[in-house]
Amino acid sequence: MTRILADLPDEDIKWLDQIAAEQEKSRAQVLRDAIAAFRKGEDKAGIEKFFGLWERHGSTIDGLEYERQLRGEWPEVGAFDPPKKRRRAA
C-alpha cells in the first residue's frame, strides 16, 4: 500500500473526523472506503451513460418500434431459398 499526502480544507477534515468517529474507523479507512465506492460508481456510470442516449440528443423515435421496423424489412424464412450445393467431380 502506498502512502499519499493530500491537502484538505480544515472544514473537510472536521467532517471526515466526524464520519470516522460515527463509523468507528480511522480517517484513512474512511478515505479508502470512499475511493472504493467512487470507483465502483464510475464503472456503473460508464455503462449507464449510454442508456437514453438517443433521447438526450433530441430523437423522438421509440427504440423498440424502430427495431421492429428494421426486422419487418427482413425476408421471411420460408421465402429464402438457399442456393443448391454443387457436387464436384472426383
N, C-alpha and C. Protein backbone atom coordinates (compact mmCIF):
# COMPACT_ATOMS: atom_id res chain seq x y z
N MET A 1 0.85 -1.17 0.00
CA MET A 1 0.00 0.00 0.00
C MET A 1 0.90 1.23 0.00
N THR A 2 0.51 2.22 -0.77
CA THR A 2 1.28 3.45 -0.88
C THR A 2 0.66 4.54 -0.03
N ARG A 3 1.49 5.31 0.63
CA ARG A 3 1.04 6.42 1.45
C ARG A 3 1.03 7.67 0.58
N ILE A 4 -0.01 8.51 0.74
CA ILE A 4 -0.08 9.76 -0.02
C ILE A 4 -0.24 10.93 0.95
N LEU A 5 0.05 12.11 0.44
CA LEU A 5 -0.13 13.34 1.20
C LEU A 5 -1.12 14.19 0.41
N ALA A 6 -2.20 14.60 1.08
CA ALA A 6 -3.21 15.41 0.41
C ALA A 6 -3.57 16.59 1.30
N ASP A 7 -3.66 17.76 0.71
CA ASP A 7 -4.06 18.96 1.46
C ASP A 7 -5.58 19.10 1.35
N LEU A 8 -6.24 19.16 2.52
CA LEU A 8 -7.70 19.33 2.56
C LEU A 8 -8.03 20.52 3.45
N PRO A 9 -9.10 21.23 3.13
CA PRO A 9 -9.52 22.34 3.99
C PRO A 9 -9.87 21.83 5.39
N ASP A 10 -9.67 22.68 6.40
CA ASP A 10 -9.95 22.31 7.79
C ASP A 10 -11.39 21.84 7.96
N GLU A 11 -12.30 22.48 7.25
CA GLU A 11 -13.72 22.12 7.33
C GLU A 11 -13.94 20.67 6.88
N ASP A 12 -13.25 20.26 5.82
CA ASP A 12 -13.38 18.88 5.33
C ASP A 12 -12.76 17.89 6.30
N ILE A 13 -11.67 18.27 6.95
CA ILE A 13 -11.04 17.40 7.94
C ILE A 13 -11.97 17.19 9.13
N LYS A 14 -12.63 18.25 9.59
CA LYS A 14 -13.59 18.12 10.69
C LYS A 14 -14.73 17.17 10.31
N TRP A 15 -15.23 17.34 9.09
CA TRP A 15 -16.31 16.47 8.60
C TRP A 15 -15.82 15.02 8.51
N LEU A 16 -14.62 14.83 7.99
CA LEU A 16 -14.04 13.50 7.86
C LEU A 16 -13.85 12.84 9.23
N ASP A 17 -13.38 13.61 10.20
CA ASP A 17 -13.21 13.09 11.56
C ASP A 17 -14.56 12.71 12.18
N GLN A 18 -15.58 13.49 11.89
CA GLN A 18 -16.92 13.18 12.41
C GLN A 18 -17.43 11.86 11.83
N ILE A 19 -17.27 11.68 10.52
CA ILE A 19 -17.68 10.43 9.86
C ILE A 19 -16.90 9.26 10.42
N ALA A 20 -15.60 9.44 10.59
CA ALA A 20 -14.75 8.37 11.11
C ALA A 20 -15.19 7.98 12.52
N ALA A 21 -15.52 8.95 13.35
CA ALA A 21 -15.97 8.67 14.71
C ALA A 21 -17.30 7.93 14.71
N GLU A 22 -18.23 8.37 13.84
CA GLU A 22 -19.54 7.72 13.76
C GLU A 22 -19.42 6.27 13.30
N GLN A 23 -18.51 6.01 12.37
CA GLN A 23 -18.35 4.66 11.83
C GLN A 23 -17.31 3.84 12.59
N GLU A 24 -16.70 4.45 13.60
CA GLU A 24 -15.65 3.81 14.39
C GLU A 24 -14.54 3.27 13.50
N LYS A 25 -14.08 4.15 12.61
CA LYS A 25 -13.00 3.82 11.68
C LYS A 25 -11.95 4.92 11.77
N SER A 26 -10.80 4.62 11.22
CA SER A 26 -9.77 5.65 11.12
C SER A 26 -10.11 6.59 9.96
N ARG A 27 -9.52 7.76 9.99
CA ARG A 27 -9.70 8.71 8.90
C ARG A 27 -9.25 8.08 7.58
N ALA A 28 -8.12 7.36 7.62
CA ALA A 28 -7.59 6.73 6.41
C ALA A 28 -8.56 5.67 5.86
N GLN A 29 -9.18 4.91 6.78
CA GLN A 29 -10.12 3.87 6.33
C GLN A 29 -11.35 4.48 5.67
N VAL A 30 -11.84 5.58 6.22
CA VAL A 30 -12.98 6.27 5.62
C VAL A 30 -12.61 6.73 4.21
N LEU A 31 -11.42 7.27 4.04
CA LEU A 31 -10.98 7.71 2.72
C LEU A 31 -10.84 6.52 1.76
N ARG A 32 -10.28 5.40 2.24
CA ARG A 32 -10.16 4.20 1.38
C ARG A 32 -11.53 3.72 0.95
N ASP A 33 -12.48 3.69 1.90
CA ASP A 33 -13.85 3.25 1.57
C ASP A 33 -14.50 4.19 0.57
N ALA A 34 -14.27 5.49 0.74
CA ALA A 34 -14.86 6.47 -0.18
C ALA A 34 -14.30 6.30 -1.59
N ILE A 35 -13.01 6.05 -1.70
CA ILE A 35 -12.40 5.86 -3.02
C ILE A 35 -12.91 4.57 -3.66
N ALA A 36 -13.05 3.51 -2.87
CA ALA A 36 -13.59 2.25 -3.41
C ALA A 36 -15.02 2.43 -3.91
N ALA A 37 -15.84 3.15 -3.14
CA ALA A 37 -17.22 3.41 -3.56
C ALA A 37 -17.27 4.27 -4.81
N PHE A 38 -16.39 5.26 -4.88
CA PHE A 38 -16.33 6.13 -6.06
C PHE A 38 -15.96 5.33 -7.30
N ARG A 39 -14.97 4.46 -7.17
CA ARG A 39 -14.55 3.64 -8.32
C ARG A 39 -15.66 2.70 -8.75
N LYS A 40 -16.37 2.13 -7.82
CA LYS A 40 -17.48 1.24 -8.16
C LYS A 40 -18.55 2.02 -8.91
N GLY A 41 -18.84 3.23 -8.46
CA GLY A 41 -19.82 4.08 -9.12
C GLY A 41 -19.38 4.50 -10.51
N GLU A 42 -18.09 4.69 -10.70
CA GLU A 42 -17.55 5.07 -12.01
C GLU A 42 -17.78 3.96 -13.02
N ASP A 43 -17.60 2.71 -12.61
CA ASP A 43 -17.83 1.59 -13.53
C ASP A 43 -19.27 1.57 -14.00
N LYS A 44 -20.18 1.79 -13.08
CA LYS A 44 -21.60 1.79 -13.41
C LYS A 44 -21.95 2.98 -14.29
N ALA A 45 -21.40 4.12 -13.97
CA ALA A 45 -21.67 5.32 -14.76
C ALA A 45 -21.21 5.14 -16.19
N GLY A 46 -20.14 4.39 -16.38
CA GLY A 46 -19.65 4.15 -17.73
C GLY A 46 -20.67 3.45 -18.59
N ILE A 47 -21.39 2.51 -18.02
CA ILE A 47 -22.41 1.77 -18.76
C ILE A 47 -23.70 2.59 -18.86
N GLU A 48 -24.11 3.16 -17.74
CA GLU A 48 -25.39 3.85 -17.69
C GLU A 48 -25.43 5.12 -18.53
N LYS A 49 -24.28 5.68 -18.84
CA LYS A 49 -24.29 6.92 -19.62
C LYS A 49 -24.82 6.71 -21.03
N PHE A 50 -24.91 5.46 -21.49
CA PHE A 50 -25.41 5.20 -22.83
C PHE A 50 -26.91 4.95 -22.88
N PHE A 51 -27.55 4.67 -21.73
CA PHE A 51 -28.98 4.48 -21.72
C PHE A 51 -29.67 5.81 -21.96
N GLY A 52 -30.62 5.83 -22.88
CA GLY A 52 -31.33 7.07 -23.19
C GLY A 52 -30.53 8.01 -24.07
N LEU A 53 -29.50 7.50 -24.71
CA LEU A 53 -28.61 8.35 -25.50
C LEU A 53 -29.34 9.06 -26.63
N TRP A 54 -30.20 8.34 -27.37
CA TRP A 54 -30.91 8.97 -28.48
C TRP A 54 -31.82 10.08 -27.99
N GLU A 55 -32.53 9.82 -26.90
CA GLU A 55 -33.48 10.79 -26.37
C GLU A 55 -32.75 12.07 -25.92
N ARG A 56 -31.60 11.90 -25.30
CA ARG A 56 -30.84 13.07 -24.84
C ARG A 56 -30.37 13.93 -26.01
N HIS A 57 -30.29 13.34 -27.18
CA HIS A 57 -29.84 14.10 -28.35
C HIS A 57 -31.00 14.49 -29.26
N GLY A 58 -32.22 14.47 -28.70
CA GLY A 58 -33.37 15.00 -29.41
C GLY A 58 -34.16 14.02 -30.24
N SER A 59 -33.83 12.75 -30.22
CA SER A 59 -34.57 11.78 -31.01
C SER A 59 -35.92 11.49 -30.36
N THR A 60 -36.96 11.44 -31.18
CA THR A 60 -38.30 11.11 -30.67
C THR A 60 -38.73 9.72 -31.11
N ILE A 61 -37.82 8.97 -31.70
CA ILE A 61 -38.13 7.62 -32.17
C ILE A 61 -38.12 6.65 -31.00
N ASP A 62 -39.15 5.80 -30.96
CA ASP A 62 -39.19 4.74 -29.97
C ASP A 62 -38.23 3.64 -30.43
N GLY A 63 -37.25 3.31 -29.60
CA GLY A 63 -36.22 2.34 -29.98
C GLY A 63 -36.80 0.98 -30.33
N LEU A 64 -37.79 0.50 -29.57
CA LEU A 64 -38.38 -0.80 -29.84
C LEU A 64 -39.14 -0.79 -31.16
N GLU A 65 -39.87 0.28 -31.42
CA GLU A 65 -40.60 0.39 -32.68
C GLU A 65 -39.63 0.44 -33.87
N TYR A 66 -38.52 1.13 -33.70
CA TYR A 66 -37.51 1.21 -34.75
C TYR A 66 -36.93 -0.18 -35.04
N GLU A 67 -36.67 -0.93 -33.98
CA GLU A 67 -36.15 -2.30 -34.16
C GLU A 67 -37.17 -3.17 -34.90
N ARG A 68 -38.43 -3.06 -34.53
CA ARG A 68 -39.48 -3.84 -35.21
C ARG A 68 -39.57 -3.46 -36.69
N GLN A 69 -39.42 -2.17 -36.97
CA GLN A 69 -39.46 -1.71 -38.36
C GLN A 69 -38.32 -2.33 -39.16
N LEU A 70 -37.13 -2.33 -38.59
CA LEU A 70 -35.98 -2.93 -39.27
C LEU A 70 -36.20 -4.42 -39.50
N ARG A 71 -36.69 -5.10 -38.49
CA ARG A 71 -36.92 -6.54 -38.64
C ARG A 71 -38.03 -6.83 -39.64
N GLY A 72 -38.96 -5.91 -39.79
CA GLY A 72 -40.03 -6.08 -40.77
C GLY A 72 -39.51 -6.07 -42.20
N GLU A 73 -38.34 -5.52 -42.40
CA GLU A 73 -37.74 -5.47 -43.73
C GLU A 73 -37.04 -6.78 -44.09
N TRP A 74 -36.83 -7.64 -43.09
CA TRP A 74 -36.15 -8.91 -43.36
C TRP A 74 -37.09 -9.85 -44.11
N PRO A 75 -36.55 -10.65 -45.02
CA PRO A 75 -37.41 -11.61 -45.72
C PRO A 75 -37.85 -12.72 -44.76
N GLU A 76 -39.01 -13.27 -45.02
CA GLU A 76 -39.49 -14.39 -44.22
C GLU A 76 -38.56 -15.58 -44.43
N VAL A 77 -38.42 -16.39 -43.43
CA VAL A 77 -37.52 -17.54 -43.52
C VAL A 77 -37.96 -18.46 -44.65
N GLY A 78 -39.25 -18.67 -44.81
CA GLY A 78 -39.75 -19.54 -45.88
C GLY A 78 -39.53 -18.97 -47.26
N ALA A 79 -39.39 -17.65 -47.37
CA ALA A 79 -39.19 -17.00 -48.66
C ALA A 79 -37.74 -17.10 -49.12
N PHE A 80 -36.87 -17.47 -48.23
CA PHE A 80 -35.45 -17.56 -48.57
C PHE A 80 -35.15 -18.93 -49.12
N ASP A 81 -34.64 -19.00 -50.32
CA ASP A 81 -34.31 -20.27 -50.96
C ASP A 81 -32.80 -20.32 -51.12
N PRO A 82 -32.11 -21.05 -50.22
CA PRO A 82 -30.65 -21.08 -50.31
C PRO A 82 -30.19 -21.76 -51.59
N PRO A 83 -29.05 -21.35 -52.11
CA PRO A 83 -28.54 -21.97 -53.35
C PRO A 83 -28.21 -23.44 -53.11
N LYS A 84 -28.40 -24.23 -54.15
CA LYS A 84 -28.08 -25.65 -54.07
C LYS A 84 -26.58 -25.84 -54.11
N LYS A 85 -26.11 -26.82 -53.37
CA LYS A 85 -24.70 -27.13 -53.37
C LYS A 85 -24.38 -27.93 -54.62
N ARG A 86 -23.30 -27.61 -55.22
CA ARG A 86 -22.86 -28.35 -56.41
C ARG A 86 -21.88 -29.41 -56.01
N ARG A 87 -22.01 -30.55 -56.58
CA ARG A 87 -21.06 -31.63 -56.31
C ARG A 87 -19.88 -31.47 -57.26
N ARG A 88 -18.72 -31.69 -56.73
CA ARG A 88 -17.53 -31.63 -57.56
C ARG A 88 -17.24 -33.02 -58.13
N ALA A 89 -16.76 -33.03 -59.31
CA ALA A 89 -16.37 -34.31 -59.91
C ALA A 89 -15.06 -34.76 -59.28
N ALA A 90 -15.01 -36.03 -58.93
CA ALA A 90 -13.82 -36.55 -58.26
C ALA A 90 -12.74 -36.92 -59.22
